[in-house]
Amino acid sequence: MHQGISSDFQKKSLPQLYLFIDRYKESELKPLAIFATDLEKDFEAIENAVVSDLSNGFVEGINNKLKMIKRTMYGRCGQQLLTAKLMYDPHSKTG
């Protein structure tokens, strides 16, 4: 990723976000133009992500873990084993 773009996001600069969208939505590089246009379509959410210190990353990580377990065990076990696997904590000292 371009260093300037990354550091601007880390600075949480809304003016830089506006400039980025305006500069690149008409870019000759199609993927970059599509990205900038999509940012503009969902601008309120993107703007909130830039200015807010809150994140749902932890919740998304848990969801991802549970879905991975579900996919790997699909059709191979019953409800009891699936429940035990979801409750198992490999980092616990008891088990």
C-alpha atoms as a PDB file:
ATOM      1  CA  MET A   1       0.000   0.000   0.000  1.00  0.00           C
ATOM      2  CA  HIS A   2       1.215   3.508  -0.723  1.00  0.00           C
ATOM      3  CA  GLN A   3       2.859   4.998   2.365  1.00  0.00           C
ATOM      4  CA  GLY A   4       1.030   8.340   2.090  1.00  0.00           C
ATOM      5  CA  ILE A   5      -2.398   6.722   1.984  1.00  0.00           C
ATOM      6  CA  SER A   6      -1.631   4.455   4.931  1.00  0.00           C
ATOM      7  CA  SER A   7      -0.236   7.232   7.117  1.00  0.00           C
ATOM      8  CA  ASP A   8      -3.172   9.522   6.245  1.00  0.00           C
ATOM      9  CA  PHE A   9      -5.601   6.843   7.383  1.00  0.00           C
ATOM     10  CA  GLN A  10      -3.660   6.365  10.608  1.00  0.00           C
ATOM     11  CA  LYS A  11      -3.871  10.122  11.195  1.00  0.00           C
ATOM     12  CA  LYS A  12      -7.654   9.812  10.744  1.00  0.00           C
ATOM     13  CA  SER A  13      -7.764  12.742   8.373  1.00  0.00           C
ATOM     14  CA  LEU A  14     -11.204  13.393   6.892  1.00  0.00           C
ATOM     15  CA  PRO A  15      -9.912  16.052   4.488  1.00  0.00           C
ATOM     16  CA  GLN A  16      -7.460  13.489   3.107  1.00  0.00           C
ATOM     17  CA  LEU A  17     -10.340  11.012   2.679  1.00  0.00           C
ATOM     18  CA  TYR A  18     -12.317  13.582   0.689  1.00  0.00           C
ATOM     19  CA  LEU A  19      -9.266  14.364  -1.449  1.00  0.00           C
ATOM     20  CA  PHE A  20      -8.554  10.686  -2.056  1.00  0.00           C
ATOM     21  CA  ILE A  21     -12.102  10.013  -3.272  1.00  0.00           C
ATOM     22  CA  ASP A  22     -12.197  13.109  -5.490  1.00  0.00           C
ATOM     23  CA  ARG A  23      -8.753  12.442  -6.922  1.00  0.00           C
ATOM     24  CA  TYR A  24      -9.185   8.747  -7.734  1.00  0.00           C
ATOM     25  CA  LYS A  25     -12.866   8.211  -8.616  1.00  0.00           C
ATOM     26  CA  GLU A  26     -12.043   9.360 -12.167  1.00  0.00           C
ATOM     27  CA  SER A  27      -8.718   7.500 -12.329  1.00  0.00           C
ATOM     28  CA  GLU A  28      -7.630   5.689 -15.476  1.00  0.00           C
ATOM     29  CA  LEU A  29      -6.756   2.736 -13.257  1.00  0.00           C
ATOM     30  CA  LYS A  30     -10.128   0.990 -13.218  1.00  0.00           C
ATOM     31  CA  PRO A  31      -9.723  -0.904  -9.893  1.00  0.00           C
ATOM     32  CA  LEU A  32      -8.700   2.312  -8.125  1.00  0.00           C
ATOM     33  CA  ALA A  33     -11.617   4.239  -9.642  1.00  0.00           C
ATOM     34  CA  ILE A  34     -14.060   1.508  -8.602  1.00  0.00           C
ATOM     35  CA  PHE A  35     -12.630   1.521  -5.060  1.00  0.00           C
ATOM     36  CA  ALA A  36     -12.948   5.297  -4.733  1.00  0.00           C
ATOM     37  CA  THR A  37     -16.485   5.231  -6.163  1.00  0.00           C
ATOM     38  CA  ASP A  38     -17.490   2.476  -3.725  1.00  0.00           C
ATOM     39  CA  LEU A  39     -16.089   4.532  -0.848  1.00  0.00           C
ATOM     40  CA  GLU A  40     -18.300   7.383  -1.964  1.00  0.00           C
ATOM     41  CA  LYS A  41     -21.391   5.132  -2.113  1.00  0.00           C
ATOM     42  CA  ASP A  42     -21.035   4.092   1.530  1.00  0.00           C
ATOM     43  CA  PHE A  43     -19.531   7.360   2.670  1.00  0.00           C
ATOM     44  CA  GLU A  44     -21.242   7.659   6.049  1.00  0.00           C
ATOM     45  CA  ALA A  45     -19.877   4.309   7.248  1.00  0.00           C
ATOM     46  CA  ILE A  46     -16.402   5.042   5.870  1.00  0.00           C
ATOM     47  CA  GLU A  47     -16.388   8.477   7.483  1.00  0.00           C
ATOM     48  CA  ASN A  48     -17.367   6.944  10.846  1.00  0.00           C
ATOM     49  CA  ALA A  49     -14.589   4.354  10.530  1.00  0.00           C
ATOM     50  CA  VAL A  50     -12.034   7.103  10.013  1.00  0.00           C
ATOM     51  CA  VAL A  51     -13.090   9.321  12.923  1.00  0.00           C
ATOM     52  CA  SER A  52     -14.098   6.666  15.478  1.00  0.00           C
ATOM     53  CA  ASP A  53     -11.798   4.733  17.769  1.00  0.00           C
ATOM     54  CA  LEU A  54     -14.413   1.970  18.068  1.00  0.00           C
ATOM     55  CA  SER A  55     -14.085  -1.278  16.124  1.00  0.00           C
ATOM     56  CA  ASN A  56     -16.020  -4.510  15.786  1.00  0.00           C
ATOM     57  CA  GLY A  57     -12.835  -6.427  14.961  1.00  0.00           C
ATOM     58  CA  PHE A  58     -13.012  -8.567  18.106  1.00  0.00           C
ATOM     59  CA  VAL A  59     -16.572  -9.690  17.369  1.00  0.00           C
ATOM     60  CA  GLU A  60     -15.714 -10.407  13.724  1.00  0.00           C
ATOM     61  CA  GLY A  61     -12.753 -12.511  14.857  1.00  0.00           C
ATOM     62  CA  ILE A  62     -14.983 -14.631  17.094  1.00  0.00           C
ATOM     63  CA  ASN A  63     -17.539 -15.025  14.275  1.00  0.00           C
ATOM     64  CA  ASN A  64     -14.801 -16.108  11.887  1.00  0.00           C
ATOM     65  CA  LYS A  65     -13.500 -18.688  14.372  1.00  0.00           C
ATOM     66  CA  LEU A  66     -16.963 -20.167  14.957  1.00  0.00           C
ATOM     67  CA  LYS A  67     -17.735 -20.346  11.236  1.00  0.00           C
ATOM     68  CA  MET A  68     -14.406 -22.074  10.559  1.00  0.00           C
ATOM     69  CA  ILE A  69     -15.139 -24.712  13.206  1.00  0.00           C
ATOM     70  CA  LYS A  70     -18.649 -25.195  11.808  1.00  0.00           C
ATOM     71  CA  ARG A  71     -17.334 -25.665   8.253  1.00  0.00           C
ATOM     72  CA  THR A  72     -14.621 -28.125   9.247  1.00  0.00           C
ATOM     73  CA  MET A  73     -17.039 -30.240  11.266  1.00  0.00           C
ATOM     74  CA  TYR A  74     -20.001 -30.107   8.874  1.00  0.00           C
ATOM     75  CA  GLY A  75     -21.520 -33.574   8.492  1.00  0.00           C
ATOM     76  CA  ARG A  76     -18.894 -35.233  10.690  1.00  0.00           C
ATOM     77  CA  CYS A  77     -20.337 -34.961  14.158  1.00  0.00           C
ATOM     78  CA  GLY A  78     -23.419 -34.526  16.188  1.00  0.00           C
ATOM     79  CA  GLN A  79     -24.593 -31.554  18.200  1.00  0.00           C
ATOM     80  CA  GLN A  80     -22.856 -32.743  21.375  1.00  0.00           C
ATOM     81  CA  LEU A  81     -19.369 -32.886  19.802  1.00  0.00           C
ATOM     82  CA  LEU A  82     -19.880 -29.555  18.022  1.00  0.00           C
ATOM     83  CA  THR A  83     -20.874 -27.927  21.324  1.00  0.00           C
ATOM     84  CA  ALA A  84     -17.809 -29.395  23.043  1.00  0.00           C
ATOM     85  CA  LYS A  85     -15.518 -28.117  20.276  1.00  0.00           C
ATOM     86  CA  LEU A  86     -16.989 -24.622  20.466  1.00  0.00           C
ATOM     87  CA  MET A  87     -16.531 -24.512  24.229  1.00  0.00           C
ATOM     88  CA  TYR A  88     -12.985 -25.971  24.205  1.00  0.00           C
ATOM     89  CA  ASP A  89     -10.250 -23.457  25.046  1.00  0.00           C
ATOM     90  CA  PRO A  90      -6.811 -24.762  24.021  1.00  0.00           C
ATOM     91  CA  HIS A  91      -5.130 -22.076  26.128  1.00  0.00           C
ATOM     92  CA  SER A  92      -6.844 -23.044  29.369  1.00  0.00           C
ATOM     93  CA  LYS A  93      -4.721 -24.794  31.993  1.00  0.00           C
ATOM     94  CA  THR A  94      -7.429 -27.389  32.721  1.00  0.00           C
ATOM     95  CA  GLY A  95      -7.747 -28.932  29.396  1.00  0.00           C
END
